[in-house]
N, C-alpha and C. Protein backbone atom coordinates (compact mmCIF):
# COMPACT_ATOMS: atom_id res chain seq x y z
N UNK A 1 -18.99 -8.08 -8.83
CA UNK A 1 -18.00 -7.75 -7.80
C UNK A 1 -16.61 -8.11 -8.29
N UNK A 2 -15.68 -7.18 -8.20
CA UNK A 2 -14.29 -7.43 -8.60
C UNK A 2 -13.52 -7.90 -7.37
N UNK A 3 -13.09 -9.17 -7.36
CA UNK A 3 -12.42 -9.74 -6.19
C UNK A 3 -10.91 -9.79 -6.30
N UNK A 4 -10.37 -9.69 -7.53
CA UNK A 4 -8.93 -9.76 -7.70
C UNK A 4 -8.54 -9.18 -9.06
N UNK A 5 -7.38 -8.56 -9.12
CA UNK A 5 -6.83 -8.04 -10.37
C UNK A 5 -5.42 -8.58 -10.56
N UNK A 6 -5.08 -8.90 -11.78
CA UNK A 6 -3.69 -9.18 -12.12
C UNK A 6 -3.33 -8.28 -13.30
N UNK A 7 -2.21 -7.62 -13.20
CA UNK A 7 -1.82 -6.71 -14.26
C UNK A 7 -0.51 -6.01 -13.96
N UNK A 8 -0.26 -4.95 -14.69
CA UNK A 8 0.99 -4.21 -14.56
C UNK A 8 0.73 -2.85 -13.94
N UNK A 9 1.60 -2.45 -13.03
CA UNK A 9 1.46 -1.16 -12.36
C UNK A 9 1.79 -0.03 -13.33
N UNK A 10 0.83 0.86 -13.53
CA UNK A 10 1.01 1.99 -14.43
C UNK A 10 1.53 3.21 -13.68
N UNK A 11 1.05 3.41 -12.44
CA UNK A 11 1.54 4.52 -11.62
C UNK A 11 1.22 4.22 -10.16
N UNK A 12 2.01 4.87 -9.28
CA UNK A 12 1.80 4.73 -7.84
C UNK A 12 1.69 6.13 -7.25
N UNK A 13 0.55 6.41 -6.63
CA UNK A 13 0.31 7.72 -6.03
C UNK A 13 0.37 7.61 -4.52
N UNK A 14 -0.03 8.68 -3.83
CA UNK A 14 0.06 8.72 -2.38
C UNK A 14 -0.84 7.70 -1.70
N UNK A 15 -2.04 7.47 -2.26
CA UNK A 15 -2.98 6.56 -1.61
C UNK A 15 -3.60 5.54 -2.57
N UNK A 16 -3.10 5.47 -3.80
CA UNK A 16 -3.68 4.55 -4.77
C UNK A 16 -2.66 4.18 -5.84
N UNK A 17 -2.95 3.08 -6.52
CA UNK A 17 -2.13 2.65 -7.65
C UNK A 17 -3.04 2.48 -8.86
N UNK A 18 -2.52 2.77 -10.05
CA UNK A 18 -3.25 2.54 -11.29
C UNK A 18 -2.70 1.26 -11.90
N UNK A 19 -3.57 0.27 -12.08
CA UNK A 19 -3.15 -1.04 -12.55
C UNK A 19 -3.79 -1.34 -13.90
N UNK A 20 -2.95 -1.60 -14.89
CA UNK A 20 -3.40 -1.95 -16.23
C UNK A 20 -3.66 -3.45 -16.27
N UNK A 21 -4.95 -3.82 -16.28
CA UNK A 21 -5.32 -5.23 -16.28
C UNK A 21 -6.15 -5.52 -17.53
N UNK A 22 -5.53 -6.10 -18.54
CA UNK A 22 -6.26 -6.43 -19.76
C UNK A 22 -6.75 -5.21 -20.52
N UNK A 23 -5.89 -4.21 -20.67
CA UNK A 23 -6.18 -2.98 -21.41
C UNK A 23 -7.19 -2.09 -20.70
N UNK A 24 -7.51 -2.38 -19.45
CA UNK A 24 -8.37 -1.52 -18.64
C UNK A 24 -7.57 -1.08 -17.42
N UNK A 25 -7.56 0.23 -17.16
CA UNK A 25 -6.81 0.74 -16.02
C UNK A 25 -7.71 0.90 -14.81
N UNK A 26 -7.37 0.23 -13.72
CA UNK A 26 -8.15 0.30 -12.49
C UNK A 26 -7.40 1.12 -11.45
N UNK A 27 -8.07 2.14 -10.91
CA UNK A 27 -7.49 2.90 -9.81
C UNK A 27 -7.86 2.18 -8.51
N UNK A 28 -6.84 1.72 -7.81
CA UNK A 28 -7.06 0.90 -6.62
C UNK A 28 -6.47 1.60 -5.40
N UNK A 29 -7.32 1.87 -4.41
CA UNK A 29 -6.84 2.48 -3.18
C UNK A 29 -6.20 1.42 -2.30
N UNK A 30 -4.99 1.72 -1.80
CA UNK A 30 -4.23 0.73 -1.06
C UNK A 30 -3.54 1.36 0.14
N UNK A 31 -3.10 0.52 1.05
CA UNK A 31 -2.40 1.02 2.23
C UNK A 31 -1.00 1.49 1.84
N UNK A 32 -0.42 2.34 2.67
CA UNK A 32 0.92 2.84 2.42
C UNK A 32 1.93 1.70 2.40
N UNK A 33 1.68 0.67 3.23
CA UNK A 33 2.60 -0.47 3.28
C UNK A 33 2.63 -1.21 1.95
N UNK A 34 1.45 -1.44 1.35
CA UNK A 34 1.40 -2.13 0.05
C UNK A 34 1.94 -1.26 -1.07
N UNK A 35 1.61 0.02 -1.06
CA UNK A 35 2.10 0.92 -2.11
C UNK A 35 3.62 1.01 -2.09
N UNK A 36 4.20 0.92 -0.90
CA UNK A 36 5.65 0.97 -0.78
C UNK A 36 6.35 -0.24 -1.36
N UNK A 37 5.59 -1.31 -1.60
CA UNK A 37 6.17 -2.53 -2.18
C UNK A 37 5.98 -2.59 -3.70
N UNK A 38 5.41 -1.53 -4.28
CA UNK A 38 5.10 -1.55 -5.70
C UNK A 38 5.88 -0.48 -6.46
N UNK A 39 6.10 -0.72 -7.75
CA UNK A 39 6.74 0.29 -8.60
C UNK A 39 6.22 0.15 -10.02
N UNK A 40 6.36 1.19 -10.80
CA UNK A 40 5.86 1.21 -12.17
C UNK A 40 6.52 0.10 -13.00
N UNK A 41 5.69 -0.61 -13.76
CA UNK A 41 6.19 -1.70 -14.60
C UNK A 41 6.13 -3.06 -13.94
N UNK A 42 5.84 -3.08 -12.67
CA UNK A 42 5.80 -4.34 -11.92
C UNK A 42 4.51 -5.11 -12.21
N UNK A 43 4.62 -6.42 -12.37
CA UNK A 43 3.43 -7.27 -12.52
C UNK A 43 2.95 -7.66 -11.13
N UNK A 44 1.67 -7.42 -10.86
CA UNK A 44 1.15 -7.66 -9.52
C UNK A 44 -0.17 -8.43 -9.55
N UNK A 45 -0.46 -9.07 -8.43
CA UNK A 45 -1.77 -9.65 -8.18
C UNK A 45 -2.34 -8.94 -6.96
N UNK A 46 -3.48 -8.32 -7.11
CA UNK A 46 -4.07 -7.52 -6.03
C UNK A 46 -5.46 -8.07 -5.70
N UNK A 47 -5.66 -8.40 -4.44
CA UNK A 47 -6.97 -8.84 -3.96
C UNK A 47 -7.79 -7.59 -3.67
N UNK A 48 -9.02 -7.54 -4.15
CA UNK A 48 -9.77 -6.28 -4.10
C UNK A 48 -11.13 -6.41 -3.41
N UNK A 49 -11.59 -5.24 -2.98
CA UNK A 49 -12.94 -5.11 -2.42
C UNK A 49 -13.55 -3.86 -3.05
N UNK A 50 -14.72 -4.00 -3.64
CA UNK A 50 -15.38 -2.87 -4.29
C UNK A 50 -16.43 -2.28 -3.35
N UNK A 51 -16.27 -1.01 -3.04
CA UNK A 51 -17.21 -0.33 -2.15
C UNK A 51 -18.12 0.59 -2.97
N UNK A 52 -19.41 0.40 -2.81
CA UNK A 52 -20.40 1.21 -3.53
C UNK A 52 -21.13 2.09 -2.53
N UNK A 53 -21.03 3.40 -2.71
CA UNK A 53 -21.72 4.35 -1.84
C UNK A 53 -22.56 5.29 -2.70
N UNK A 54 -23.26 6.22 -2.06
CA UNK A 54 -24.08 7.18 -2.80
C UNK A 54 -23.22 8.10 -3.66
N UNK A 55 -22.01 8.38 -3.20
CA UNK A 55 -21.16 9.35 -3.88
C UNK A 55 -20.22 8.75 -4.92
N UNK A 56 -19.80 7.50 -4.69
CA UNK A 56 -18.77 6.95 -5.59
C UNK A 56 -18.69 5.43 -5.47
N UNK A 57 -18.02 4.84 -6.47
CA UNK A 57 -17.66 3.42 -6.42
C UNK A 57 -16.14 3.38 -6.34
N UNK A 58 -15.61 2.79 -5.28
CA UNK A 58 -14.16 2.75 -5.09
C UNK A 58 -13.68 1.31 -4.95
N UNK A 59 -12.47 1.09 -5.42
CA UNK A 59 -11.87 -0.24 -5.37
C UNK A 59 -10.70 -0.18 -4.39
N UNK A 60 -10.73 -1.05 -3.38
CA UNK A 60 -9.67 -1.12 -2.37
C UNK A 60 -8.88 -2.40 -2.62
N UNK A 61 -7.55 -2.28 -2.57
CA UNK A 61 -6.71 -3.43 -2.91
C UNK A 61 -5.72 -3.81 -1.83
N UNK A 62 -5.28 -5.09 -1.91
CA UNK A 62 -4.36 -5.65 -0.91
C UNK A 62 -3.45 -6.65 -1.60
N UNK A 63 -2.18 -6.62 -1.28
CA UNK A 63 -1.23 -7.55 -1.89
C UNK A 63 -1.30 -8.92 -1.23
N UNK A 64 -1.93 -9.00 -0.06
CA UNK A 64 -2.02 -10.27 0.68
C UNK A 64 -3.46 -10.58 1.06
N UNK A 65 -3.82 -11.85 1.02
CA UNK A 65 -5.17 -12.26 1.39
C UNK A 65 -5.50 -11.88 2.84
N UNK A 66 -4.50 -12.01 3.72
CA UNK A 66 -4.75 -11.75 5.14
C UNK A 66 -5.10 -10.29 5.39
N UNK A 67 -4.46 -9.39 4.64
CA UNK A 67 -4.77 -7.97 4.78
C UNK A 67 -6.21 -7.70 4.35
N UNK A 68 -6.65 -8.34 3.26
CA UNK A 68 -8.03 -8.17 2.81
C UNK A 68 -9.00 -8.73 3.85
N UNK A 69 -8.67 -9.88 4.40
CA UNK A 69 -9.54 -10.49 5.42
C UNK A 69 -9.68 -9.57 6.63
N UNK A 70 -8.56 -8.98 7.06
CA UNK A 70 -8.59 -8.06 8.20
C UNK A 70 -9.43 -6.83 7.88
N UNK A 71 -9.25 -6.31 6.65
CA UNK A 71 -10.02 -5.15 6.19
C UNK A 71 -11.53 -5.44 6.26
N UNK A 72 -11.94 -6.61 5.78
CA UNK A 72 -13.35 -6.98 5.77
C UNK A 72 -13.91 -7.10 7.19
N UNK A 73 -13.07 -7.57 8.12
CA UNK A 73 -13.51 -7.63 9.51
C UNK A 73 -13.68 -6.24 10.10
N UNK A 74 -12.75 -5.35 9.75
CA UNK A 74 -12.79 -3.99 10.29
C UNK A 74 -14.03 -3.23 9.84
N UNK A 75 -14.40 -3.36 8.57
CA UNK A 75 -15.53 -2.56 8.07
C UNK A 75 -16.88 -3.12 8.56
N UNK A 76 -16.86 -4.27 9.20
CA UNK A 76 -18.09 -4.79 9.82
C UNK A 76 -18.38 -4.09 11.15
N UNK A 77 -17.36 -3.44 11.71
CA UNK A 77 -17.54 -2.72 12.96
C UNK A 77 -18.36 -1.46 12.70
N UNK A 78 -19.38 -1.22 13.49
CA UNK A 78 -20.24 -0.05 13.28
C UNK A 78 -19.43 1.23 13.36
N UNK A 79 -19.59 2.07 12.35
CA UNK A 79 -18.89 3.36 12.33
C UNK A 79 -17.52 3.32 11.69
N UNK A 80 -17.05 2.14 11.29
CA UNK A 80 -15.73 2.01 10.65
C UNK A 80 -15.93 1.76 9.16
N UNK A 81 -15.56 2.74 8.35
CA UNK A 81 -15.71 2.61 6.91
C UNK A 81 -14.42 2.18 6.24
N UNK A 82 -14.44 1.98 4.92
CA UNK A 82 -13.25 1.54 4.18
C UNK A 82 -12.05 2.47 4.34
N UNK A 83 -12.29 3.79 4.40
CA UNK A 83 -11.18 4.73 4.51
C UNK A 83 -10.43 4.56 5.82
N UNK A 84 -11.16 4.42 6.92
CA UNK A 84 -10.52 4.24 8.22
C UNK A 84 -9.85 2.87 8.30
N UNK A 85 -10.50 1.84 7.75
CA UNK A 85 -9.92 0.50 7.75
C UNK A 85 -8.60 0.50 6.98
N UNK A 86 -8.55 1.21 5.85
CA UNK A 86 -7.31 1.29 5.08
C UNK A 86 -6.25 2.08 5.84
N UNK A 87 -6.69 3.09 6.57
CA UNK A 87 -5.76 3.87 7.39
C UNK A 87 -5.12 3.00 8.47
N UNK A 88 -5.93 2.12 9.06
CA UNK A 88 -5.40 1.19 10.07
C UNK A 88 -4.34 0.27 9.47
N UNK A 89 -4.60 -0.22 8.25
CA UNK A 89 -3.64 -1.12 7.61
C UNK A 89 -2.40 -0.38 7.11
N UNK A 90 -2.48 0.95 7.01
CA UNK A 90 -1.30 1.75 6.69
C UNK A 90 -0.45 1.99 7.94
N UNK A 91 -1.08 1.86 9.11
CA UNK A 91 -0.41 2.13 10.38
C UNK A 91 0.13 0.85 11.02
N UNK A 92 -0.64 -0.23 10.94
CA UNK A 92 -0.27 -1.50 11.57
C UNK A 92 -0.44 -2.65 10.59
N UNK A 93 0.41 -3.67 10.71
CA UNK A 93 0.23 -4.87 9.90
C UNK A 93 -0.95 -5.66 10.46
N UNK A 94 -1.52 -6.60 9.68
CA UNK A 94 -2.59 -7.43 10.22
C UNK A 94 -2.20 -8.12 11.53
N UNK A 95 -0.95 -8.56 11.61
CA UNK A 95 -0.46 -9.21 12.84
C UNK A 95 -0.48 -8.24 14.02
N UNK A 96 0.02 -7.02 13.80
CA UNK A 96 0.04 -6.01 14.85
C UNK A 96 -1.38 -5.61 15.26
N UNK A 97 -2.26 -5.49 14.27
CA UNK A 97 -3.65 -5.17 14.56
C UNK A 97 -4.30 -6.23 15.44
N UNK A 98 -4.08 -7.49 15.07
CA UNK A 98 -4.67 -8.59 15.82
C UNK A 98 -4.17 -8.61 17.26
N UNK A 99 -2.89 -8.39 17.45
CA UNK A 99 -2.33 -8.38 18.80
C UNK A 99 -2.84 -7.18 19.60
N UNK A 100 -2.99 -6.03 18.94
CA UNK A 100 -3.50 -4.84 19.64
C UNK A 100 -4.93 -5.09 20.11
N UNK A 101 -5.73 -5.73 19.28
CA UNK A 101 -7.12 -6.05 19.65
C UNK A 101 -7.15 -7.06 20.79
N UNK A 102 -6.31 -8.10 20.68
CA UNK A 102 -6.27 -9.14 21.72
C UNK A 102 -5.78 -8.58 23.06
N UNK A 103 -4.88 -7.59 23.00
CA UNK A 103 -4.30 -7.01 24.23
C UNK A 103 -5.05 -5.79 24.74
N UNK A 104 -6.19 -5.48 24.12
CA UNK A 104 -6.97 -4.29 24.52
C UNK A 104 -6.14 -3.00 24.39
N UNK A 105 -5.28 -2.95 23.39
CA UNK A 105 -4.38 -1.80 23.23
C UNK A 105 -5.02 -0.75 22.31
N UNK A 106 -5.95 0.01 22.87
CA UNK A 106 -6.65 1.03 22.10
C UNK A 106 -5.70 2.13 21.63
N UNK A 107 -4.66 2.40 22.41
CA UNK A 107 -3.71 3.46 22.05
C UNK A 107 -2.99 3.13 20.74
N UNK A 108 -2.66 1.86 20.54
CA UNK A 108 -1.96 1.45 19.31
C UNK A 108 -2.88 1.64 18.10
N UNK A 109 -4.15 1.27 18.24
CA UNK A 109 -5.10 1.43 17.14
C UNK A 109 -5.38 2.89 16.86
N UNK A 110 -5.45 3.69 17.91
CA UNK A 110 -5.81 5.11 17.77
C UNK A 110 -4.74 5.92 17.04
N UNK A 111 -3.57 5.33 16.79
CA UNK A 111 -2.52 6.03 16.04
C UNK A 111 -2.90 6.20 14.57
N UNK A 112 -3.86 5.40 14.12
CA UNK A 112 -4.28 5.50 12.72
C UNK A 112 -5.04 6.79 12.47
N UNK A 113 -4.64 7.59 11.48
CA UNK A 113 -5.34 8.84 11.18
C UNK A 113 -6.82 8.60 10.90
N UNK A 114 -7.68 9.42 11.51
CA UNK A 114 -9.10 9.33 11.26
C UNK A 114 -9.87 8.41 12.17
N UNK A 115 -9.17 7.76 13.11
CA UNK A 115 -9.86 6.79 13.97
C UNK A 115 -10.26 7.38 15.32
N UNK A 116 -9.29 7.67 16.17
CA UNK A 116 -9.61 8.19 17.50
C UNK A 116 -9.76 7.09 18.52
N UNK A 117 -9.73 7.45 19.80
CA UNK A 117 -9.74 6.47 20.88
C UNK A 117 -11.08 5.74 20.98
N UNK A 118 -12.19 6.45 20.79
CA UNK A 118 -13.51 5.81 20.88
C UNK A 118 -13.69 4.77 19.79
N UNK A 119 -13.25 5.11 18.59
CA UNK A 119 -13.33 4.15 17.48
C UNK A 119 -12.46 2.93 17.74
N UNK A 120 -11.27 3.16 18.32
CA UNK A 120 -10.37 2.06 18.65
C UNK A 120 -11.00 1.13 19.67
N UNK A 121 -11.63 1.71 20.68
CA UNK A 121 -12.28 0.90 21.71
C UNK A 121 -13.44 0.10 21.14
N UNK A 122 -14.15 0.68 20.18
CA UNK A 122 -15.27 -0.02 19.55
C UNK A 122 -14.77 -1.22 18.75
N UNK A 123 -13.65 -1.05 18.06
CA UNK A 123 -13.06 -2.15 17.29
C UNK A 123 -12.70 -3.30 18.23
N UNK A 124 -12.06 -2.98 19.34
CA UNK A 124 -11.67 -4.01 20.31
C UNK A 124 -12.90 -4.72 20.86
N UNK A 125 -13.92 -3.97 21.20
CA UNK A 125 -15.14 -4.53 21.77
C UNK A 125 -15.83 -5.50 20.81
N UNK A 126 -15.88 -5.12 19.52
CA UNK A 126 -16.63 -5.93 18.56
C UNK A 126 -15.82 -7.06 17.92
N UNK A 127 -14.49 -6.93 17.90
CA UNK A 127 -13.68 -7.93 17.20
C UNK A 127 -12.88 -8.85 18.11
N UNK A 128 -12.72 -8.49 19.38
CA UNK A 128 -11.93 -9.33 20.27
C UNK A 128 -12.54 -10.72 20.35
N UNK A 129 -11.73 -11.72 20.16
CA UNK A 129 -12.21 -13.10 20.20
C UNK A 129 -12.56 -13.65 18.84
N UNK A 130 -12.66 -12.77 17.83
CA UNK A 130 -13.05 -13.24 16.49
C UNK A 130 -11.88 -13.32 15.53
N UNK A 131 -10.69 -12.89 15.98
CA UNK A 131 -9.50 -12.91 15.12
C UNK A 131 -8.57 -14.03 15.56
N UNK A 132 -8.20 -14.88 14.61
CA UNK A 132 -7.32 -16.03 14.87
C UNK A 132 -5.87 -15.58 14.77
N UNK A 133 -5.24 -15.39 15.93
CA UNK A 133 -3.85 -14.91 15.95
C UNK A 133 -2.89 -15.90 15.29
N UNK A 134 -3.07 -17.18 15.53
CA UNK A 134 -2.15 -18.18 15.00
C UNK A 134 -2.16 -18.20 13.47
N UNK A 135 -3.35 -18.02 12.89
CA UNK A 135 -3.46 -18.02 11.42
C UNK A 135 -2.77 -16.80 10.82
N UNK A 136 -2.93 -15.65 11.46
CA UNK A 136 -2.30 -14.42 10.97
C UNK A 136 -0.78 -14.52 11.08
N UNK A 137 -0.29 -15.04 12.21
CA UNK A 137 1.15 -15.16 12.40
C UNK A 137 1.76 -16.12 11.39
N UNK A 138 1.03 -17.20 11.07
CA UNK A 138 1.51 -18.14 10.07
C UNK A 138 1.60 -17.47 8.70
N UNK A 139 0.59 -16.66 8.37
CA UNK A 139 0.58 -15.94 7.10
C UNK A 139 1.73 -14.95 7.02
N UNK A 140 2.03 -14.26 8.13
CA UNK A 140 3.13 -13.30 8.17
C UNK A 140 4.47 -14.02 7.95
N UNK A 141 4.60 -15.23 8.51
CA UNK A 141 5.84 -16.00 8.36
C UNK A 141 6.05 -16.41 6.91
N UNK A 142 4.98 -16.88 6.26
CA UNK A 142 5.06 -17.27 4.86
C UNK A 142 5.42 -16.08 3.99
N UNK A 143 4.79 -14.93 4.27
CA UNK A 143 5.05 -13.72 3.48
C UNK A 143 6.51 -13.29 3.62
N UNK A 144 7.06 -13.40 4.83
CA UNK A 144 8.44 -12.99 5.07
C UNK A 144 9.44 -13.83 4.30
N UNK A 145 9.08 -15.12 4.07
CA UNK A 145 10.00 -16.01 3.37
C UNK A 145 9.81 -15.99 1.86
N UNK A 146 8.71 -15.35 1.39
CA UNK A 146 8.43 -15.36 -0.04
C UNK A 146 8.28 -13.96 -0.63
N UNK A 147 8.81 -12.95 0.08
CA UNK A 147 8.66 -11.57 -0.38
C UNK A 147 9.42 -11.35 -1.68
N UNK A 148 8.88 -10.56 -2.56
CA UNK A 148 9.51 -10.28 -3.85
C UNK A 148 10.82 -9.52 -3.64
N UNK A 149 11.82 -9.74 -4.52
CA UNK A 149 13.08 -9.03 -4.37
C UNK A 149 12.91 -7.52 -4.49
N UNK A 150 13.68 -6.80 -3.68
CA UNK A 150 13.59 -5.35 -3.66
C UNK A 150 14.40 -4.76 -4.81
N UNK A 151 13.87 -3.76 -5.46
CA UNK A 151 14.59 -3.06 -6.52
C UNK A 151 15.57 -2.11 -5.86
N UNK A 152 16.78 -2.59 -5.58
CA UNK A 152 17.76 -1.79 -4.85
C UNK A 152 18.21 -0.57 -5.65
N UNK A 153 18.20 -0.69 -7.00
CA UNK A 153 18.59 0.45 -7.83
C UNK A 153 17.62 1.60 -7.66
N UNK A 154 16.32 1.30 -7.68
CA UNK A 154 15.31 2.34 -7.50
C UNK A 154 15.41 2.94 -6.10
N UNK A 155 15.66 2.08 -5.11
CA UNK A 155 15.82 2.58 -3.73
C UNK A 155 16.99 3.56 -3.64
N UNK A 156 18.08 3.27 -4.35
CA UNK A 156 19.25 4.16 -4.33
C UNK A 156 18.89 5.53 -4.89
N UNK A 157 18.13 5.55 -6.00
CA UNK A 157 17.78 6.83 -6.62
C UNK A 157 16.86 7.62 -5.69
N UNK A 158 15.86 6.95 -5.12
CA UNK A 158 14.92 7.63 -4.21
C UNK A 158 15.65 8.16 -2.99
N UNK A 159 16.55 7.35 -2.45
CA UNK A 159 17.31 7.79 -1.28
C UNK A 159 18.18 9.00 -1.63
N UNK A 160 18.77 8.98 -2.83
CA UNK A 160 19.59 10.11 -3.26
C UNK A 160 18.78 11.39 -3.36
N UNK A 161 17.56 11.29 -3.90
CA UNK A 161 16.70 12.46 -4.02
C UNK A 161 16.27 12.97 -2.65
N UNK A 162 15.99 12.04 -1.74
CA UNK A 162 15.60 12.44 -0.38
C UNK A 162 16.75 13.14 0.35
N UNK A 163 17.97 12.69 0.07
CA UNK A 163 19.15 13.34 0.67
C UNK A 163 19.32 14.76 0.17
N UNK A 164 18.75 15.03 -1.01
CA UNK A 164 18.82 16.38 -1.58
C UNK A 164 17.65 17.25 -1.11
N UNK A 165 16.79 16.67 -0.24
CA UNK A 165 15.73 17.46 0.35
C UNK A 165 14.33 17.21 -0.18
N UNK A 166 14.19 16.27 -1.11
CA UNK A 166 12.87 15.99 -1.66
C UNK A 166 12.12 15.01 -0.78
N UNK A 167 10.78 15.09 -0.78
CA UNK A 167 9.95 14.16 -0.03
C UNK A 167 9.94 12.80 -0.72
N UNK A 168 9.76 11.73 0.08
CA UNK A 168 9.78 10.38 -0.48
C UNK A 168 8.72 10.19 -1.55
N UNK A 169 7.52 10.71 -1.29
CA UNK A 169 6.42 10.56 -2.25
C UNK A 169 6.75 11.23 -3.58
N UNK A 170 7.29 12.45 -3.51
CA UNK A 170 7.65 13.17 -4.74
C UNK A 170 8.79 12.47 -5.47
N UNK A 171 9.75 11.96 -4.68
CA UNK A 171 10.89 11.26 -5.27
C UNK A 171 10.43 10.00 -6.00
N UNK A 172 9.53 9.25 -5.38
CA UNK A 172 9.00 8.02 -5.99
C UNK A 172 8.31 8.33 -7.32
N UNK A 173 7.48 9.37 -7.32
CA UNK A 173 6.75 9.72 -8.53
C UNK A 173 7.69 10.16 -9.64
N UNK A 174 8.73 10.91 -9.28
CA UNK A 174 9.68 11.38 -10.28
C UNK A 174 10.47 10.23 -10.89
N UNK A 175 10.85 9.27 -10.05
CA UNK A 175 11.60 8.11 -10.53
C UNK A 175 10.72 7.27 -11.46
N UNK A 176 9.48 7.06 -11.05
CA UNK A 176 8.55 6.29 -11.90
C UNK A 176 8.37 6.95 -13.26
N UNK A 177 8.19 8.28 -13.24
CA UNK A 177 7.99 9.01 -14.48
C UNK A 177 9.24 9.00 -15.35
N UNK A 178 10.41 9.12 -14.72
CA UNK A 178 11.67 9.11 -15.46
C UNK A 178 11.86 7.78 -16.17
N UNK A 179 11.56 6.68 -15.50
CA UNK A 179 11.69 5.36 -16.11
C UNK A 179 10.70 5.19 -17.26
N UNK A 180 9.48 5.68 -17.05
CA UNK A 180 8.45 5.53 -18.08
C UNK A 180 8.77 6.36 -19.32
N UNK A 181 9.15 7.64 -19.13
CA UNK A 181 9.41 8.53 -20.26
C UNK A 181 10.62 8.10 -21.07
N UNK A 182 11.61 7.52 -20.38
CA UNK A 182 12.85 7.15 -21.06
C UNK A 182 12.95 5.66 -21.36
N UNK A 183 11.84 4.94 -21.14
CA UNK A 183 11.74 3.51 -21.44
C UNK A 183 12.88 2.73 -20.80
N UNK A 184 13.09 2.99 -19.51
CA UNK A 184 14.12 2.29 -18.75
C UNK A 184 13.44 1.17 -17.96
N UNK A 185 13.89 -0.05 -18.18
CA UNK A 185 13.26 -1.21 -17.54
C UNK A 185 13.61 -1.28 -16.06
N UNK A 186 12.67 -1.81 -15.29
CA UNK A 186 12.90 -2.06 -13.87
C UNK A 186 12.82 -3.57 -13.63
N UNK A 187 13.56 -4.10 -12.62
CA UNK A 187 14.41 -3.38 -11.67
C UNK A 187 15.63 -2.75 -12.35
N UNK A 188 16.10 -1.66 -11.77
CA UNK A 188 17.18 -0.89 -12.37
C UNK A 188 18.52 -1.61 -12.23
N UNK A 189 19.31 -1.55 -13.29
CA UNK A 189 20.67 -2.06 -13.21
C UNK A 189 21.56 -0.97 -12.61
N UNK A 190 22.76 -1.34 -12.19
CA UNK A 190 23.67 -0.37 -11.58
C UNK A 190 24.04 0.74 -12.57
N UNK A 191 24.05 0.40 -13.87
CA UNK A 191 24.38 1.40 -14.89
C UNK A 191 23.26 2.42 -15.07
N UNK A 192 22.01 1.98 -14.80
CA UNK A 192 20.87 2.86 -15.01
C UNK A 192 20.65 3.83 -13.85
N UNK A 193 21.20 3.52 -12.68
CA UNK A 193 20.95 4.35 -11.49
C UNK A 193 21.31 5.81 -11.71
N UNK A 194 22.54 6.14 -12.17
CA UNK A 194 22.85 7.56 -12.36
C UNK A 194 22.02 8.22 -13.45
N UNK A 195 21.64 7.46 -14.48
CA UNK A 195 20.80 8.01 -15.56
C UNK A 195 19.42 8.39 -15.02
N UNK A 196 18.83 7.47 -14.27
CA UNK A 196 17.50 7.74 -13.73
C UNK A 196 17.54 8.89 -12.74
N UNK A 197 18.60 8.96 -11.95
CA UNK A 197 18.75 10.06 -10.98
C UNK A 197 18.79 11.39 -11.72
N UNK A 198 19.53 11.44 -12.82
CA UNK A 198 19.64 12.68 -13.60
C UNK A 198 18.29 13.06 -14.22
N UNK A 199 17.61 12.09 -14.79
CA UNK A 199 16.30 12.35 -15.40
C UNK A 199 15.29 12.80 -14.34
N UNK A 200 15.31 12.14 -13.19
CA UNK A 200 14.35 12.47 -12.12
C UNK A 200 14.60 13.87 -11.58
N UNK A 201 15.85 14.25 -11.44
CA UNK A 201 16.19 15.60 -10.97
C UNK A 201 15.68 16.66 -11.95
N UNK A 202 15.83 16.37 -13.24
CA UNK A 202 15.36 17.31 -14.26
C UNK A 202 13.84 17.49 -14.14
N UNK A 203 13.14 16.37 -13.96
CA UNK A 203 11.68 16.42 -13.82
C UNK A 203 11.27 17.21 -12.58
N UNK A 204 11.95 17.00 -11.48
CA UNK A 204 11.59 17.65 -10.23
C UNK A 204 11.92 19.13 -10.26
N UNK A 205 13.03 19.47 -10.87
CA UNK A 205 13.39 20.89 -11.00
C UNK A 205 12.39 21.62 -11.91
N UNK A 206 11.92 20.91 -12.92
CA UNK A 206 10.97 21.50 -13.85
C UNK A 206 9.63 21.77 -13.17
N UNK A 207 9.30 20.93 -12.16
CA UNK A 207 8.03 21.08 -11.49
C UNK A 207 8.03 22.03 -10.32
N UNK A 208 9.17 22.65 -10.01
CA UNK A 208 9.26 23.60 -8.89
C UNK A 208 8.40 24.81 -9.13
């Protein structure tokens, strides 16, 4: 069982990241919230859960222990699989999930794609009383005070591309590829921002 990976981010896709850990590349499915905190070239530690089914073996990852713990609780609910649990974590933070369950707020849970109101009610029924709100809130506080610095240069380039009409996902991929192809280190310096923007635009125009 693979419980944790440490390595460098090779690529970030819509629902997964490719992590180079000791010369082996692991494709790790992650929530949109975690993927949004990652970029190519970044060194990361990812807590993982390996799911084995008849069709495939998939690796699910989390940047925080609390998110993994919440995920493991969710997949214990009958009818809730890893895909739906990951969808919930893309929609709500562990703290928000815990409060929604404690408050019987099925509508908040049902916002997650692939769940539905009946599934949300089942989660509340089976998990209410088993989630420690105080522990989750403490973890959220620690995370807020120790979050990694944001690559403001990369954010500027992505925002610039979005202002030109490109989707965020496409802009992120183009920026990552531009940095990789031109061996530009991240986080981006202010001098590199216009260069990366130019390279990314060329890549995106080429892919039209």
